[in-house]
Amino acid sequence: MEKNVLLSLIACLIISVSIIIPPIYAETPRLAQEGLISDFVAKVFAAAVAFMAAVVSAAWGISRAGSAWAAASAERPEIRTVAIIISAFAEALGIYGIVIAFFILGAG
C-alpha cells in the first residue's frame, strides 16, 4: 500500500514538472527583457517543491510514530511522553520546510 502511495506521489511530481516547465521555456525569449517572470516562477516552483517534500515526509513520519505510539502506549503507559517527543521531531520537519520555502522566496 505504501509503495503505491509513493509511486503515485512521484508520478504527480513528474507530471507537474512536465506541465510547468515547458511553458516557462516557451515564454522565456519573449520575456527575456523583463527578467521578472521566469525568475519568479522558478522561485515559486522551487519553494513549492521544497515545502511539498518536507510536508510529505513529515506526514509519513507522524503516521509511523503515531501508530507506533498507540501500540506502545497500550502495552506500556509509561512511555507515552517519549513517543510524543519522537512525533514532535517529525512535526518539526514540516516547520523546517516552511522556513526553507520562505528562504527560497526571499532570496535575491
C-alpha atoms as a PDB file:
ATOM      1  CA  MET A   1       0.000   0.000   0.000  1.00  0.00           C
ATOM      2  CA  GLU A   2       2.750   2.454   0.955  1.00  0.00           C
ATOM      3  CA  LYS A   3       4.630   1.639  -2.226  1.00  0.00           C
ATOM      4  CA  ASN A   4       1.572   2.583  -4.278  1.00  0.00           C
ATOM      5  CA  VAL A   5       1.258   5.898  -2.455  1.00  0.00           C
ATOM      6  CA  LEU A   6       4.935   6.668  -3.001  1.00  0.00           C
ATOM      7  CA  LEU A   7       4.704   5.804  -6.687  1.00  0.00           C
ATOM      8  CA  SER A   8       1.624   7.978  -7.124  1.00  0.00           C
ATOM      9  CA  LEU A   9       3.376  10.918  -5.414  1.00  0.00           C
ATOM     10  CA  ILE A  10       6.378  10.522  -7.702  1.00  0.00           C
ATOM     11  CA  ALA A  11       4.095  10.320 -10.734  1.00  0.00           C
ATOM     12  CA  CYS A  12       2.271  13.505  -9.666  1.00  0.00           C
ATOM     13  CA  LEU A  13       5.590  15.293  -9.218  1.00  0.00           C
ATOM     14  CA  ILE A  14       6.816  14.231 -12.669  1.00  0.00           C
ATOM     15  CA  ILE A  15       3.544  15.258 -14.302  1.00  0.00           C
ATOM     16  CA  SER A  16       3.540  18.642 -12.564  1.00  0.00           C
ATOM     17  CA  VAL A  17       7.128  19.294 -13.632  1.00  0.00           C
ATOM     18  CA  SER A  18       6.364  18.321 -17.212  1.00  0.00           C
ATOM     19  CA  ILE A  19       3.331  20.618 -17.261  1.00  0.00           C
ATOM     20  CA  ILE A  20       5.006  23.637 -15.666  1.00  0.00           C
ATOM     21  CA  ILE A  21       8.481  23.619 -17.228  1.00  0.00           C
ATOM     22  CA  PRO A  22       7.629  23.745 -20.981  1.00  0.00           C
ATOM     23  CA  PRO A  23       5.509  26.933 -20.709  1.00  0.00           C
ATOM     24  CA  ILE A  24       8.353  28.617 -18.804  1.00  0.00           C
ATOM     25  CA  TYR A  25      10.831  27.840 -21.567  1.00  0.00           C
ATOM     26  CA  ALA A  26       8.294  28.800 -24.226  1.00  0.00           C
ATOM     27  CA  GLU A  27       7.834  32.270 -22.733  1.00  0.00           C
ATOM     28  CA  THR A  28      11.463  32.944 -21.816  1.00  0.00           C
ATOM     29  CA  PRO A  29      12.658  34.503 -25.136  1.00  0.00           C
ATOM     30  CA  ARG A  30       9.719  36.914 -25.290  1.00  0.00           C
ATOM     31  CA  LEU A  31      10.036  37.937 -21.650  1.00  0.00           C
ATOM     32  CA  ALA A  32      13.826  37.957 -21.523  1.00  0.00           C
ATOM     33  CA  GLN A  33      13.942  41.757 -21.500  1.00  0.00           C
ATOM     34  CA  GLU A  34      11.862  41.970 -18.322  1.00  0.00           C
ATOM     35  CA  GLY A  35      13.620  39.199 -16.436  1.00  0.00           C
ATOM     36  CA  LEU A  36      10.914  39.037 -13.754  1.00  0.00           C
ATOM     37  CA  ILE A  37       8.535  36.302 -14.814  1.00  0.00           C
ATOM     38  CA  SER A  38      10.953  33.415 -15.286  1.00  0.00           C
ATOM     39  CA  ASP A  39      12.867  34.111 -12.060  1.00  0.00           C
ATOM     40  CA  PHE A  40       9.671  34.492 -10.074  1.00  0.00           C
ATOM     41  CA  VAL A  41       8.125  31.312 -11.467  1.00  0.00           C
ATOM     42  CA  ALA A  42      11.316  29.368 -10.785  1.00  0.00           C
ATOM     43  CA  LYS A  43      11.413  30.598  -7.174  1.00  0.00           C
ATOM     44  CA  VAL A  44       7.775  29.780  -6.539  1.00  0.00           C
ATOM     45  CA  PHE A  45       8.134  26.329  -8.074  1.00  0.00           C
ATOM     46  CA  ALA A  46      11.296  25.587  -6.059  1.00  0.00           C
ATOM     47  CA  ALA A  47       9.614  26.759  -2.851  1.00  0.00           C
ATOM     48  CA  ALA A  48       6.551  24.618  -3.599  1.00  0.00           C
ATOM     49  CA  VAL A  49       8.663  21.521  -4.241  1.00  0.00           C
ATOM     50  CA  ALA A  50      10.714  22.083  -1.068  1.00  0.00           C
ATOM     51  CA  PHE A  51       7.571  22.574   1.013  1.00  0.00           C
ATOM     52  CA  MET A  52       5.849  19.578  -0.574  1.00  0.00           C
ATOM     53  CA  ALA A  53       8.793  17.265   0.102  1.00  0.00           C
ATOM     54  CA  ALA A  54       9.051  18.398   3.723  1.00  0.00           C
ATOM     55  CA  VAL A  55       5.326  18.071   4.389  1.00  0.00           C
ATOM     56  CA  VAL A  56       5.026  14.647   2.763  1.00  0.00           C
ATOM     57  CA  SER A  57       7.978  13.304   4.731  1.00  0.00           C
ATOM     58  CA  ALA A  58       6.660  14.881   7.942  1.00  0.00           C
ATOM     59  CA  ALA A  59       3.251  13.308   7.376  1.00  0.00           C
ATOM     60  CA  TRP A  60       4.870   9.934   6.788  1.00  0.00           C
ATOM     61  CA  GLY A  61       6.936  10.280   9.965  1.00  0.00           C
ATOM     62  CA  ILE A  62       3.939  11.346  12.032  1.00  0.00           C
ATOM     63  CA  SER A  63       1.863   8.446  10.726  1.00  0.00           C
ATOM     64  CA  ARG A  64       4.608   5.965  11.599  1.00  0.00           C
ATOM     65  CA  ALA A  65       5.288   7.474  15.013  1.00  0.00           C
ATOM     66  CA  GLY A  66       1.582   7.826  15.779  1.00  0.00           C
ATOM     67  CA  SER A  67       0.741   4.232  15.044  1.00  0.00           C
ATOM     68  CA  ALA A  68       3.765   3.005  16.997  1.00  0.00           C
ATOM     69  CA  TRP A  69       2.839   5.335  19.876  1.00  0.00           C
ATOM     70  CA  ALA A  70      -0.697   3.964  20.050  1.00  0.00           C
ATOM     71  CA  ALA A  71       0.513   0.376  20.077  1.00  0.00           C
ATOM     72  CA  ALA A  72       3.268   1.007  22.615  1.00  0.00           C
ATOM     73  CA  SER A  73       1.130   3.069  24.990  1.00  0.00           C
ATOM     74  CA  ALA A  74      -1.446   0.291  25.086  1.00  0.00           C
ATOM     75  CA  GLU A  75       1.212  -2.102  26.334  1.00  0.00           C
ATOM     76  CA  ARG A  76       3.347   0.239  28.475  1.00  0.00           C
ATOM     77  CA  PRO A  77       1.674   3.512  29.523  1.00  0.00           C
ATOM     78  CA  GLU A  78       4.882   4.964  30.957  1.00  0.00           C
ATOM     79  CA  ILE A  79       6.455   5.547  27.517  1.00  0.00           C
ATOM     80  CA  ARG A  80       3.787   7.964  26.265  1.00  0.00           C
ATOM     81  CA  THR A  81       5.982  11.024  26.718  1.00  0.00           C
ATOM     82  CA  VAL A  82       8.867   9.552  24.737  1.00  0.00           C
ATOM     83  CA  ALA A  83       6.558   8.748  21.838  1.00  0.00           C
ATOM     84  CA  ILE A  84       5.147  12.274  21.808  1.00  0.00           C
ATOM     85  CA  ILE A  85       8.685  13.682  21.642  1.00  0.00           C
ATOM     86  CA  ILE A  86       9.511  11.430  18.691  1.00  0.00           C
ATOM     87  CA  SER A  87       6.357  12.604  16.918  1.00  0.00           C
ATOM     88  CA  ALA A  88       7.368  16.213  17.587  1.00  0.00           C
ATOM     89  CA  PHE A  89      10.604  15.660  15.659  1.00  0.00           C
ATOM     90  CA  ALA A  90       8.571  14.709  12.605  1.00  0.00           C
ATOM     91  CA  GLU A  91       6.383  17.776  13.044  1.00  0.00           C
ATOM     92  CA  ALA A  92       9.499  19.951  13.200  1.00  0.00           C
ATOM     93  CA  LEU A  93      10.418  18.680   9.739  1.00  0.00           C
ATOM     94  CA  GLY A  94       7.289  20.300   8.321  1.00  0.00           C
ATOM     95  CA  ILE A  95       8.164  23.573  10.050  1.00  0.00           C
ATOM     96  CA  TYR A  96      11.652  23.429   8.554  1.00  0.00           C
ATOM     97  CA  GLY A  97      10.031  23.014   5.143  1.00  0.00           C
ATOM     98  CA  ILE A  98       8.071  26.226   5.633  1.00  0.00           C
ATOM     99  CA  VAL A  99      11.240  28.059   6.676  1.00  0.00           C
ATOM    100  CA  ILE A 100      13.180  26.791   3.655  1.00  0.00           C
ATOM    101  CA  ALA A 101      10.315  27.789   1.339  1.00  0.00           C
ATOM    102  CA  PHE A 102      10.395  31.320   2.759  1.00  0.00           C
ATOM    103  CA  PHE A 103      14.184  31.441   2.335  1.00  0.00           C
ATOM    104  CA  ILE A 104      13.828  30.420  -1.307  1.00  0.00           C
ATOM    105  CA  LEU A 105      11.148  33.018  -1.961  1.00  0.00           C
ATOM    106  CA  GLY A 106      13.114  35.738  -0.203  1.00  0.00           C
ATOM    107  CA  ALA A 107      16.429  35.001  -1.927  1.00  0.00           C
ATOM    108  CA  GLY A 108      17.865  37.756  -4.001  1.00  0.00           C
END
